[in-house]
Amino acid sequence: RNIDSLFEQTAREVVRAVCSAGYDIVSGGTEKGTMAVVAGAAME
């Protein structure tokens, strides 16, 4: 959880790009760090 916010922003951008290309997302499933960002962005 204690990382530069750039990495969280990057995670959202990557998930958006991947989802817009027609992919569903699989991840480690925790609420910690960028895993939480990936999970939330995937649902969004």
All heavy atoms as atom14 arrays in JSON, in Angstrom:
{
  "sequence": "RNIDSLFEQTAREVVRAVCSAGYDIVSGGTEKGTMAVVAGAAME",
  "atom14_mask": [
    [1, 1, 1, 1, 1, 1, 1, 1, 1, 1, 1, 0, 0, 0],
    [1, 1, 1, 1, 1, 1, 1, 1, 0, 0, 0, 0, 0, 0],
    [1, 1, 1, 1, 1, 1, 1, 1, 0, 0, 0, 0, 0, 0],
    [1, 1, 1, 1, 1, 1, 1, 1, 0, 0, 0, 0, 0, 0],
    [1, 1, 1, 1, 1, 1, 0, 0, 0, 0, 0, 0, 0, 0],
    [1, 1, 1, 1, 1, 1, 1, 1, 0, 0, 0, 0, 0, 0],
    [1, 1, 1, 1, 1, 1, 1, 1, 1, 1, 1, 0, 0, 0],
    [1, 1, 1, 1, 1, 1, 1, 1, 1, 0, 0, 0, 0, 0],
    [1, 1, 1, 1, 1, 1, 1, 1, 1, 0, 0, 0, 0, 0],
    [1, 1, 1, 1, 1, 1, 1, 0, 0, 0, 0, 0, 0, 0],
    [1, 1, 1, 1, 1, 0, 0, 0, 0, 0, 0, 0, 0, 0],
    [1, 1, 1, 1, 1, 1, 1, 1, 1, 1, 1, 0, 0, 0],
    [1, 1, 1, 1, 1, 1, 1, 1, 1, 0, 0, 0, 0, 0],
    [1, 1, 1, 1, 1, 1, 1, 0, 0, 0, 0, 0, 0, 0],
    [1, 1, 1, 1, 1, 1, 1, 0, 0, 0, 0, 0, 0, 0],
    [1, 1, 1, 1, 1, 1, 1, 1, 1, 1, 1, 0, 0, 0],
    [1, 1, 1, 1, 1, 0, 0, 0, 0, 0, 0, 0, 0, 0],
    [1, 1, 1, 1, 1, 1, 1, 0, 0, 0, 0, 0, 0, 0],
    [1, 1, 1, 1, 1, 1, 0, 0, 0, 0, 0, 0, 0, 0],
    [1, 1, 1, 1, 1, 1, 0, 0, 0, 0, 0, 0, 0, 0],
    [1, 1, 1, 1, 1, 0, 0, 0, 0, 0, 0, 0, 0, 0],
    [1, 1, 1, 1, 0, 0, 0, 0, 0, 0, 0, 0, 0, 0],
    [1, 1, 1, 1, 1, 1, 1, 1, 1, 1, 1, 1, 0, 0],
    [1, 1, 1, 1, 1, 1, 1, 1, 0, 0, 0, 0, 0, 0],
    [1, 1, 1, 1, 1, 1, 1, 1, 0, 0, 0, 0, 0, 0],
    [1, 1, 1, 1, 1, 1, 1, 0, 0, 0, 0, 0, 0, 0],
    [1, 1, 1, 1, 1, 1, 0, 0, 0, 0, 0, 0, 0, 0],
    [1, 1, 1, 1, 0, 0, 0, 0, 0, 0, 0, 0, 0, 0],
    [1, 1, 1, 1, 0, 0, 0, 0, 0, 0, 0, 0, 0, 0],
    [1, 1, 1, 1, 1, 1, 1, 0, 0, 0, 0, 0, 0, 0],
    [1, 1, 1, 1, 1, 1, 1, 1, 1, 0, 0, 0, 0, 0],
    [1, 1, 1, 1, 1, 1, 1, 1, 1, 0, 0, 0, 0, 0],
    [1, 1, 1, 1, 0, 0, 0, 0, 0, 0, 0, 0, 0, 0],
    [1, 1, 1, 1, 1, 1, 1, 0, 0, 0, 0, 0, 0, 0],
    [1, 1, 1, 1, 1, 1, 1, 1, 0, 0, 0, 0, 0, 0],
    [1, 1, 1, 1, 1, 0, 0, 0, 0, 0, 0, 0, 0, 0],
    [1, 1, 1, 1, 1, 1, 1, 0, 0, 0, 0, 0, 0, 0],
    [1, 1, 1, 1, 1, 1, 1, 0, 0, 0, 0, 0, 0, 0],
    [1, 1, 1, 1, 1, 0, 0, 0, 0, 0, 0, 0, 0, 0],
    [1, 1, 1, 1, 0, 0, 0, 0, 0, 0, 0, 0, 0, 0],
    [1, 1, 1, 1, 1, 0, 0, 0, 0, 0, 0, 0, 0, 0],
    [1, 1, 1, 1, 1, 0, 0, 0, 0, 0, 0, 0, 0, 0],
    [1, 1, 1, 1, 1, 1, 1, 1, 0, 0, 0, 0, 0, 0],
    [1, 1, 1, 1, 1, 1, 1, 1, 1, 0, 0, 0, 0, 0]
  ],
  "atom14_positions": [
    [[0.82, -1.22, 0.0], [0.0, 0.0, 0.0], [0.85, 1.26, 0.0], [0.35, 2.34, -0.29], [-0.91, 0.0, 1.22], [-1.97, -1.05, 1.17], [-2.88, -0.97, 2.38], [-3.96, -1.93, 2.26], [-4.32, -2.75, 3.23], [-3.73, -2.72, 4.39], [-5.31, -3.59, 3.04], [0.0, 0.0, 0.0], [0.0, 0.0, 0.0], [0.0, 0.0, 0.0]],
    [[2.1, 1.16, 0.36], [2.97, 2.33, 0.51], [3.87, 2.53, -0.69], [5.09, 2.51, -0.58], [3.8, 2.2, 1.79], [2.92, 2.1, 3.01], [1.97, 2.85, 3.15], [3.21, 1.16, 3.88], [0.0, 0.0, 0.0], [0.0, 0.0, 0.0], [0.0, 0.0, 0.0], [0.0, 0.0, 0.0], [0.0, 0.0, 0.0], [0.0, 0.0, 0.0]],
    [[3.25, 2.75, -1.85], [4.01, 2.95, -3.08], [3.57, 4.25, -3.74], [2.52, 4.82, -3.4], [3.86, 1.77, -4.06], [2.39, 1.54, -4.41], [4.48, 0.5, -3.48], [2.15, 0.48, -5.45], [0.0, 0.0, 0.0], [0.0, 0.0, 0.0], [0.0, 0.0, 0.0], [0.0, 0.0, 0.0], [0.0, 0.0, 0.0], [0.0, 0.0, 0.0]],
    [[4.34, 4.71, -4.68], [4.05, 5.93, -5.41], [2.67, 5.82, -6.07], [2.34, 4.8, -6.68], [5.14, 6.14, -6.47], [5.08, 7.49, -7.13], [3.98, 7.94, -7.53], [6.15, 8.12, -7.25], [0.0, 0.0, 0.0], [0.0, 0.0, 0.0], [0.0, 0.0, 0.0], [0.0, 0.0, 0.0], [0.0, 0.0, 0.0], [0.0, 0.0, 0.0]],
    [[1.89, 6.87, -6.0], [0.54, 6.86, -6.59], [0.6, 6.69, -8.11], [-0.4, 6.29, -8.72], [-0.21, 8.14, -6.23], [0.46, 9.28, -6.75], [0.0, 0.0, 0.0], [0.0, 0.0, 0.0], [0.0, 0.0, 0.0], [0.0, 0.0, 0.0], [0.0, 0.0, 0.0], [0.0, 0.0, 0.0], [0.0, 0.0, 0.0], [0.0, 0.0, 0.0]],
    [[1.75, 6.95, -8.72], [1.91, 6.71, -10.16], [1.58, 5.26, -10.5], [0.97, 4.98, -11.53], [3.35, 7.03, -10.6], [3.72, 6.51, -11.99], [3.0, 7.32, -13.07], [5.21, 6.57, -12.19], [0.0, 0.0, 0.0], [0.0, 0.0, 0.0], [0.0, 0.0, 0.0], [0.0, 0.0, 0.0], [0.0, 0.0, 0.0], [0.0, 0.0, 0.0]],
    [[1.95, 4.32, -9.62], [1.71, 2.91, -9.9], [0.23, 2.56, -9.83], [-0.25, 1.7, -10.56], [2.56, 2.03, -8.98], [4.04, 2.24, -9.18], [4.84, 2.63, -8.13], [4.62, 2.08, -10.42], [6.19, 2.84, -8.31], [5.98, 2.29, -10.62], [6.76, 2.67, -9.56], [0.0, 0.0, 0.0], [0.0, 0.0, 0.0], [0.0, 0.0, 0.0]],
    [[-0.5, 3.23, -8.96], [-1.95, 3.04, -8.91], [-2.61, 3.6, -10.16], [-3.48, 2.96, -10.75], [-2.53, 3.68, -7.66], [-2.09, 2.99, -6.38], [-2.66, 3.64, -5.13], [-3.41, 4.65, -5.25], [-2.37, 3.14, -4.03], [0.0, 0.0, 0.0], [0.0, 0.0, 0.0], [0.0, 0.0, 0.0], [0.0, 0.0, 0.0], [0.0, 0.0, 0.0]],
    [[-2.19, 4.77, -10.56], [-2.71, 5.38, -11.79], [-2.4, 4.48, -12.99], [-3.26, 4.26, -13.85], [-2.09, 6.76, -11.98], [-2.5, 7.45, -13.26], [-1.74, 8.77, -13.47], [-1.16, 9.32, -12.55], [-1.75, 9.25, -14.69], [0.0, 0.0, 0.0], [0.0, 0.0, 0.0], [0.0, 0.0, 0.0], [0.0, 0.0, 0.0], [0.0, 0.0, 0.0]],
    [[-1.2, 3.96, -13.04], [-0.79, 3.06, -14.12], [-1.67, 1.82, -14.14], [-2.1, 1.38, -15.22], [0.69, 2.67, -13.96], [1.49, 3.85, -14.08], [1.12, 1.65, -14.98], [0.0, 0.0, 0.0], [0.0, 0.0, 0.0], [0.0, 0.0, 0.0], [0.0, 0.0, 0.0], [0.0, 0.0, 0.0], [0.0, 0.0, 0.0], [0.0, 0.0, 0.0]],
    [[-1.95, 1.26, -12.98], [-2.79, 0.06, -12.91], [-4.17, 0.34, -13.52], [-4.69, -0.47, -14.3], [-2.92, -0.41, -11.46], [0.0, 0.0, 0.0], [0.0, 0.0, 0.0], [0.0, 0.0, 0.0], [0.0, 0.0, 0.0], [0.0, 0.0, 0.0], [0.0, 0.0, 0.0], [0.0, 0.0, 0.0], [0.0, 0.0, 0.0], [0.0, 0.0, 0.0]],
    [[-4.75, 1.47, -13.17], [-6.07, 1.83, -13.73], [-6.0, 1.97, -15.26], [-6.87, 1.48, -15.97], [-6.6, 3.12, -13.12], [-7.07, 2.97, -11.68], [-7.75, 4.23, -11.17], [-8.93, 4.61, -11.93], [-10.11, 4.01, -11.84], [-10.27, 2.98, -11.04], [-11.13, 4.43, -12.56], [0.0, 0.0, 0.0], [0.0, 0.0, 0.0], [0.0, 0.0, 0.0]],
    [[-4.97, 2.63, -15.75], [-4.82, 2.83, -17.19], [-4.66, 1.51, -17.92], [-5.25, 1.31, -19.0], [-3.62, 3.73, -17.48], [-3.8, 5.16, -17.04], [-2.52, 5.98, -17.15], [-1.46, 5.42, -17.53], [-2.57, 7.19, -16.84], [0.0, 0.0, 0.0], [0.0, 0.0, 0.0], [0.0, 0.0, 0.0], [0.0, 0.0, 0.0], [0.0, 0.0, 0.0]],
    [[-3.87, 0.62, -17.36], [-3.65, -0.69, -17.99], [-4.93, -1.49, -18.0], [-5.31, -2.08, -19.02], [-2.5, -1.45, -17.29], [-2.46, -2.91, -17.71], [-1.16, -0.76, -17.59], [0.0, 0.0, 0.0], [0.0, 0.0, 0.0], [0.0, 0.0, 0.0], [0.0, 0.0, 0.0], [0.0, 0.0, 0.0], [0.0, 0.0, 0.0], [0.0, 0.0, 0.0]],
    [[-5.62, -1.54, -16.88], [-6.88, -2.29, -16.83], [-7.89, -1.72, -17.82], [-8.56, -2.47, -18.54], [-7.45, -2.31, -15.4], [-8.86, -2.9, -15.38], [-6.55, -3.12, -14.48], [0.0, 0.0, 0.0], [0.0, 0.0, 0.0], [0.0, 0.0, 0.0], [0.0, 0.0, 0.0], [0.0, 0.0, 0.0], [0.0, 0.0, 0.0], [0.0, 0.0, 0.0]],
    [[-8.0, -0.41, -17.89], [-8.92, 0.22, -18.85], [-8.58, -0.21, -20.28], [-9.46, -0.58, -21.07], [-8.89, 1.73, -18.73], [-9.87, 2.43, -19.66], [-9.9, 3.92, -19.47], [-9.05, 4.25, -18.34], [-8.63, 5.44, -17.99], [-9.01, 6.47, -18.67], [-7.84, 5.65, -16.99], [0.0, 0.0, 0.0], [0.0, 0.0, 0.0], [0.0, 0.0, 0.0]],
    [[-7.3, -0.16, -20.65], [-6.88, -0.53, -22.0], [-7.16, -2.0, -22.29], [-7.66, -2.34, -23.37], [-5.39, -0.24, -22.18], [0.0, 0.0, 0.0], [0.0, 0.0, 0.0], [0.0, 0.0, 0.0], [0.0, 0.0, 0.0], [0.0, 0.0, 0.0], [0.0, 0.0, 0.0], [0.0, 0.0, 0.0], [0.0, 0.0, 0.0], [0.0, 0.0, 0.0]],
    [[-6.87, -2.85, -21.33], [-7.06, -4.28, -21.53], [-8.56, -4.61, -21.62], [-8.98, -5.37, -22.5], [-6.36, -5.08, -20.4], [-6.71, -6.55, -20.45], [-4.84, -4.89, -20.5], [0.0, 0.0, 0.0], [0.0, 0.0, 0.0], [0.0, 0.0, 0.0], [0.0, 0.0, 0.0], [0.0, 0.0, 0.0], [0.0, 0.0, 0.0], [0.0, 0.0, 0.0]],
    [[-9.35, -4.03, -20.75], [-10.8, -4.27, -20.79], [-11.42, -3.72, -22.08], [-12.28, -4.36, -22.67], [-11.47, -3.66, -19.57], [-11.11, -4.53, -18.03], [0.0, 0.0, 0.0], [0.0, 0.0, 0.0], [0.0, 0.0, 0.0], [0.0, 0.0, 0.0], [0.0, 0.0, 0.0], [0.0, 0.0, 0.0], [0.0, 0.0, 0.0], [0.0, 0.0, 0.0]],
    [[-10.96, -2.55, -22.52], [-11.52, -1.98, -23.75], [-11.15, -2.82, -24.96], [-11.82, -2.74, -26.0], [-11.08, -0.53, -23.93], [-9.71, -0.45, -24.21], [0.0, 0.0, 0.0], [0.0, 0.0, 0.0], [0.0, 0.0, 0.0], [0.0, 0.0, 0.0], [0.0, 0.0, 0.0], [0.0, 0.0, 0.0], [0.0, 0.0, 0.0], [0.0, 0.0, 0.0]],
    [[-10.12, -3.65, -24.84], [-9.74, -4.56, -25.93], [-10.49, -5.9, -25.82], [-10.23, -6.82, -26.58], [-8.23, -4.81, -25.91], [0.0, 0.0, 0.0], [0.0, 0.0, 0.0], [0.0, 0.0, 0.0], [0.0, 0.0, 0.0], [0.0, 0.0, 0.0], [0.0, 0.0, 0.0], [0.0, 0.0, 0.0], [0.0, 0.0, 0.0], [0.0, 0.0, 0.0]],
    [[-11.41, -6.0, -24.85], [-12.27, -7.18, -24.77], [-11.82, -8.27, -23.83], [-12.27, -9.41, -23.95], [0.0, 0.0, 0.0], [0.0, 0.0, 0.0], [0.0, 0.0, 0.0], [0.0, 0.0, 0.0], [0.0, 0.0, 0.0], [0.0, 0.0, 0.0], [0.0, 0.0, 0.0], [0.0, 0.0, 0.0], [0.0, 0.0, 0.0], [0.0, 0.0, 0.0]],
    [[-10.97, -7.95, -22.89], [-10.5, -8.94, -21.94], [-11.22, -8.79, -20.6], [-11.52, -7.68, -20.17], [-9.01, -8.76, -21.64], [-8.09, -9.1, -22.78], [-7.83, -8.19, -23.79], [-7.44, -10.33, -22.82], [-6.97, -8.49, -24.82], [-6.57, -10.63, -23.85], [-6.34, -9.7, -24.85], [-5.47, -10.01, -25.87], [0.0, 0.0, 0.0], [0.0, 0.0, 0.0]],
    [[-11.47, -9.91, -19.94], [-11.84, -9.93, -18.54], [-10.55, -10.05, -17.73], [-9.53, -10.5, -18.26], [-12.77, -11.1, -18.21], [-14.19, -10.88, -18.72], [-14.6, -9.71, -18.89], [-14.89, -11.88, -18.95], [0.0, 0.0, 0.0], [0.0, 0.0, 0.0], [0.0, 0.0, 0.0], [0.0, 0.0, 0.0], [0.0, 0.0, 0.0], [0.0, 0.0, 0.0]],
    [[-10.61, -9.69, -16.46], [-9.42, -9.61, -15.64], [-9.41, -10.67, -14.55], [-10.41, -10.89, -13.86], [-9.3, -8.21, -14.99], [-9.32, -7.11, -16.05], [-8.06, -8.12, -14.1], [-8.17, -7.13, -17.04], [0.0, 0.0, 0.0], [0.0, 0.0, 0.0], [0.0, 0.0, 0.0], [0.0, 0.0, 0.0], [0.0, 0.0, 0.0], [0.0, 0.0, 0.0]],
    [[-8.24, -11.26, -14.37], [-7.96, -12.17, -13.27], [-6.81, -11.55, -12.48], [-5.84, -11.06, -13.07], [-7.53, -13.58, -13.77], [-7.23, -14.51, -12.61], [-8.58, -14.17, -14.7], [0.0, 0.0, 0.0], [0.0, 0.0, 0.0], [0.0, 0.0, 0.0], [0.0, 0.0, 0.0], [0.0, 0.0, 0.0], [0.0, 0.0, 0.0], [0.0, 0.0, 0.0]],
    [[-6.92, -11.55, -11.16], [-5.82, -11.04, -10.35], [-5.74, -11.79, -9.03], [-6.51, -12.71, -8.78], [-5.96, -9.54, -10.1], [-6.92, -9.28, -9.09], [0.0, 0.0, 0.0], [0.0, 0.0, 0.0], [0.0, 0.0, 0.0], [0.0, 0.0, 0.0], [0.0, 0.0, 0.0], [0.0, 0.0, 0.0], [0.0, 0.0, 0.0], [0.0, 0.0, 0.0]],
    [[-4.82, -11.33, -8.18], [-4.58, -12.0, -6.91], [-5.67, -11.86, -5.87], [-5.62, -12.5, -4.83], [0.0, 0.0, 0.0], [0.0, 0.0, 0.0], [0.0, 0.0, 0.0], [0.0, 0.0, 0.0], [0.0, 0.0, 0.0], [0.0, 0.0, 0.0], [0.0, 0.0, 0.0], [0.0, 0.0, 0.0], [0.0, 0.0, 0.0], [0.0, 0.0, 0.0]],
    [[-6.65, -11.02, -6.12], [-7.86, -11.01, -5.32], [-7.8, -10.38, -3.94], [-8.69, -10.59, -3.14], [0.0, 0.0, 0.0], [0.0, 0.0, 0.0], [0.0, 0.0, 0.0], [0.0, 0.0, 0.0], [0.0, 0.0, 0.0], [0.0, 0.0, 0.0], [0.0, 0.0, 0.0], [0.0, 0.0, 0.0], [0.0, 0.0, 0.0], [0.0, 0.0, 0.0]],
    [[-6.75, -9.58, -3.66], [-6.74, -8.96, -2.34], [-7.11, -7.48, -2.45], [-7.14, -6.91, -3.53], [-5.37, -9.06, -1.62], [-4.47, -8.09, -2.13], [-4.79, -10.46, -1.72], [0.0, 0.0, 0.0], [0.0, 0.0, 0.0], [0.0, 0.0, 0.0], [0.0, 0.0, 0.0], [0.0, 0.0, 0.0], [0.0, 0.0, 0.0], [0.0, 0.0, 0.0]],
    [[-7.37, -6.9, -1.3], [-7.72, -5.48, -1.2], [-6.49, -4.61, -0.94], [-6.62, -3.45, -0.58], [-8.73, -5.27, -0.08], [-8.18, -5.64, 1.28], [-9.16, -5.41, 2.42], [-10.28, -4.97, 2.16], [-8.78, -5.67, 3.57], [0.0, 0.0, 0.0], [0.0, 0.0, 0.0], [0.0, 0.0, 0.0], [0.0, 0.0, 0.0], [0.0, 0.0, 0.0]],
    [[-5.31, -5.17, -1.14], [-4.07, -4.47, -0.82], [-3.38, -3.93, -2.08], [-3.38, -4.58, -3.12], [-3.13, -5.42, -0.09], [-3.67, -5.89, 1.26], [-2.76, -6.89, 1.91], [-1.51, -6.19, 2.39], [-0.6, -7.07, 3.1], [0.0, 0.0, 0.0], [0.0, 0.0, 0.0], [0.0, 0.0, 0.0], [0.0, 0.0, 0.0], [0.0, 0.0, 0.0]],
    [[-2.78, -2.76, -1.95], [-1.93, -2.2, -2.98], [-2.59, -2.06, -4.33], [-3.78, -1.79, -4.43], [0.0, 0.0, 0.0], [0.0, 0.0, 0.0], [0.0, 0.0, 0.0], [0.0, 0.0, 0.0], [0.0, 0.0, 0.0], [0.0, 0.0, 0.0], [0.0, 0.0, 0.0], [0.0, 0.0, 0.0], [0.0, 0.0, 0.0], [0.0, 0.0, 0.0]],
    [[-1.8, -2.25, -5.38], [-2.36, -2.13, -6.72], [-3.28, -3.28, -7.06], [-4.08, -3.16, -7.99], [-1.25, -1.98, -7.8], [-0.28, -2.99, -7.63], [-0.59, -0.63, -7.74], [0.0, 0.0, 0.0], [0.0, 0.0, 0.0], [0.0, 0.0, 0.0], [0.0, 0.0, 0.0], [0.0, 0.0, 0.0], [0.0, 0.0, 0.0], [0.0, 0.0, 0.0]],
    [[-3.24, -4.36, -6.28], [-4.24, -5.43, -6.48], [-5.64, -4.88, -6.27], [-6.56, -5.23, -7.01], [-3.98, -6.61, -5.55], [-3.13, -7.69, -6.18], [-3.2, -9.23, -5.28], [-1.86, -8.98, -4.14], [0.0, 0.0, 0.0], [0.0, 0.0, 0.0], [0.0, 0.0, 0.0], [0.0, 0.0, 0.0], [0.0, 0.0, 0.0], [0.0, 0.0, 0.0]],
    [[-5.81, -4.03, -5.27], [-7.12, -3.42, -5.02], [-7.53, -2.52, -6.18], [-8.69, -2.51, -6.59], [-7.09, -2.64, -3.72], [0.0, 0.0, 0.0], [0.0, 0.0, 0.0], [0.0, 0.0, 0.0], [0.0, 0.0, 0.0], [0.0, 0.0, 0.0], [0.0, 0.0, 0.0], [0.0, 0.0, 0.0], [0.0, 0.0, 0.0], [0.0, 0.0, 0.0]],
    [[-6.58, -1.77, -6.72], [-6.85, -0.88, -7.85], [-7.26, -1.7, -9.07], [-8.24, -1.37, -9.76], [-5.63, 0.01, -8.16], [-5.87, 0.85, -9.4], [-5.29, 0.89, -6.96], [0.0, 0.0, 0.0], [0.0, 0.0, 0.0], [0.0, 0.0, 0.0], [0.0, 0.0, 0.0], [0.0, 0.0, 0.0], [0.0, 0.0, 0.0], [0.0, 0.0, 0.0]],
    [[-6.53, -2.78, -9.34], [-6.84, -3.64, -10.48], [-8.25, -4.22, -10.33], [-9.05, -4.21, -11.28], [-5.79, -4.76, -10.63], [-6.27, -5.86, -11.56], [-4.47, -4.18, -11.12], [0.0, 0.0, 0.0], [0.0, 0.0, 0.0], [0.0, 0.0, 0.0], [0.0, 0.0, 0.0], [0.0, 0.0, 0.0], [0.0, 0.0, 0.0], [0.0, 0.0, 0.0]],
    [[-8.58, -4.71, -9.16], [-9.9, -5.31, -8.93], [-11.01, -4.29, -9.15], [-11.99, -4.57, -9.85], [-9.96, -5.9, -7.52], [0.0, 0.0, 0.0], [0.0, 0.0, 0.0], [0.0, 0.0, 0.0], [0.0, 0.0, 0.0], [0.0, 0.0, 0.0], [0.0, 0.0, 0.0], [0.0, 0.0, 0.0], [0.0, 0.0, 0.0], [0.0, 0.0, 0.0]],
    [[-10.86, -3.12, -8.56], [-11.88, -2.09, -8.71], [-12.03, -1.63, -10.14], [-13.15, -1.47, -10.65], [0.0, 0.0, 0.0], [0.0, 0.0, 0.0], [0.0, 0.0, 0.0], [0.0, 0.0, 0.0], [0.0, 0.0, 0.0], [0.0, 0.0, 0.0], [0.0, 0.0, 0.0], [0.0, 0.0, 0.0], [0.0, 0.0, 0.0], [0.0, 0.0, 0.0]],
    [[-10.91, -1.41, -10.81], [-10.95, -0.97, -12.21], [-11.53, -2.05, -13.11], [-12.28, -1.74, -14.05], [-9.55, -0.56, -12.67], [0.0, 0.0, 0.0], [0.0, 0.0, 0.0], [0.0, 0.0, 0.0], [0.0, 0.0, 0.0], [0.0, 0.0, 0.0], [0.0, 0.0, 0.0], [0.0, 0.0, 0.0], [0.0, 0.0, 0.0], [0.0, 0.0, 0.0]],
    [[-11.24, -3.29, -12.83], [-11.79, -4.39, -13.64], [-13.31, -4.41, -13.55], [-14.0, -4.56, -14.58], [-11.22, -5.73, -13.18], [0.0, 0.0, 0.0], [0.0, 0.0, 0.0], [0.0, 0.0, 0.0], [0.0, 0.0, 0.0], [0.0, 0.0, 0.0], [0.0, 0.0, 0.0], [0.0, 0.0, 0.0], [0.0, 0.0, 0.0], [0.0, 0.0, 0.0]],
    [[-13.84, -4.23, -12.37], [-15.3, -4.2, -12.22], [-15.89, -2.98, -12.91], [-16.96, -3.05, -13.5], [-15.67, -4.24, -10.74], [-15.32, -5.56, -10.06], [-16.13, -7.0, -10.82], [-17.81, -6.72, -10.3], [0.0, 0.0, 0.0], [0.0, 0.0, 0.0], [0.0, 0.0, 0.0], [0.0, 0.0, 0.0], [0.0, 0.0, 0.0], [0.0, 0.0, 0.0]],
    [[-15.18, -1.86, -12.85], [-15.66, -0.63, -13.47], [-15.65, -0.72, -15.0], [-16.61, -0.33, -15.67], [-14.8, 0.54, -13.02], [-15.2, 1.87, -13.61], [-14.33, 3.02, -13.15], [-13.56, 2.87, -12.17], [-14.4, 4.09, -13.78], [0.0, 0.0, 0.0], [0.0, 0.0, 0.0], [0.0, 0.0, 0.0], [0.0, 0.0, 0.0], [0.0, 0.0, 0.0]]
  ]
}
